[in-house]
Each structure stands twice: as structure tokens, then as C-alpha cells.
Amino acid sequence: MDPFLAEIEQTITRWHGISAPNEPARRMAADLIETIRAFEALRSTLVFEDEPSSFEAALHDAREV
């Protein structure tokens, strides 16, 4: 078993006091690994200035001149 999946199952047991969930839940946990890796791949590629700091700033940036 993948170490990450084992950690998820241990966390479920620790926090909720139940054994590992059914097979569909295990597949969803496996999908979570890919989601986390995708976010990790973005680390250090975005900076604060890449996003508007507020809704008003987003409207200002998107307005037509």
C-alpha cells in the first residue's frame, strides 16, 4: 500500500475511531494524492501579485476601457 494511503487510513482511525473505509473511499483517497501533487507542482510558481487582492481590484482589472 502507498505510504500516503496508509497515513490517511491511520488518520481516519485516530480521529474518528473507525477502521479504513470501503473501496470507493480508498480510490477517492488515491485521487487525493494526485490533487496534492498537482498543487505541490505549483509551489513557487505563483506570487501574490498574480491575483487581484480584492473583488474590486478584479473588477477594475477586468473592466473595458
Protein backbone atom coordinates (compact mmCIF):
# COMPACT_ATOMS: atom_id res chain seq x y z
CA MET A 1 0.00 0.00 0.00
CA ASP A 2 1.13 3.52 -0.78
CA PRO A 3 2.60 5.22 2.33
CA PHE A 4 0.27 8.20 1.86
CA LEU A 5 -2.80 5.95 1.75
CA ALA A 6 -1.60 4.15 4.87
CA GLU A 7 -1.24 7.51 6.61
CA ILE A 8 -4.77 8.51 5.58
CA GLU A 9 -6.17 5.29 6.99
CA GLN A 10 -4.25 5.77 10.23
CA THR A 11 -5.54 9.32 10.50
CA ILE A 12 -9.12 8.16 9.97
CA THR A 13 -8.70 5.61 12.73
CA ARG A 14 -7.03 8.11 15.06
CA TRP A 15 -9.52 10.94 14.58
CA HIS A 16 -12.75 9.04 14.06
CA GLY A 17 -12.15 5.73 15.80
CA ILE A 18 -13.24 3.66 12.80
CA SER A 19 -11.38 1.33 10.52
CA ALA A 20 -10.45 2.20 6.97
CA PRO A 21 -13.41 2.99 4.72
CA ASN A 22 -14.69 0.95 1.80
CA GLU A 23 -13.02 0.53 -1.59
CA PRO A 24 -14.63 3.60 -3.25
CA ALA A 25 -13.32 5.74 -0.39
CA ARG A 26 -9.86 4.25 -0.86
CA ARG A 27 -9.99 5.22 -4.55
CA MET A 28 -11.02 8.76 -3.60
CA ALA A 29 -8.06 8.93 -1.21
CA ALA A 30 -5.80 7.80 -4.05
CA ASP A 31 -7.20 10.63 -6.19
CA LEU A 32 -6.35 12.99 -3.35
CA ILE A 33 -2.69 12.09 -3.81
CA GLU A 34 -2.80 13.36 -7.40
CA THR A 35 -4.56 16.57 -6.32
CA ILE A 36 -1.94 17.25 -3.67
CA ARG A 37 0.89 16.58 -6.13
CA ALA A 38 -0.70 18.96 -8.64
CA PHE A 39 -0.82 21.72 -6.02
CA GLU A 40 2.74 20.96 -4.96
CA ALA A 41 3.85 21.35 -8.57
CA LEU A 42 2.51 24.91 -8.49
CA ARG A 43 4.52 25.80 -5.41
CA SER A 44 6.72 28.84 -6.04
CA THR A 45 5.23 29.43 -9.48
CA LEU A 46 2.61 31.95 -8.37
CA VAL A 47 3.19 35.14 -6.46
CA PHE A 48 0.74 37.36 -4.66
CA GLU A 49 0.75 39.89 -7.46
CA ASP A 50 -0.60 37.27 -9.90
CA GLU A 51 -4.05 37.56 -8.29
CA PRO A 52 -6.13 40.66 -7.59
CA SER A 53 -6.17 41.45 -3.89
CA SER A 54 -9.91 42.08 -3.76
CA PHE A 55 -13.12 41.77 -5.71
CA GLU A 56 -12.99 45.47 -6.51
CA ALA A 57 -9.46 45.09 -7.88
CA ALA A 58 -10.61 42.16 -10.02
CA LEU A 59 -13.45 44.28 -11.43
CA HIS A 60 -11.05 47.12 -12.10
CA ASP A 61 -8.62 44.79 -13.90
CA ALA A 62 -11.41 43.27 -15.98
CA ARG A 63 -13.22 46.45 -16.99
CA GLU A 64 -13.25 47.51 -20.59
CA VAL A 65 -11.62 50.84 -21.37
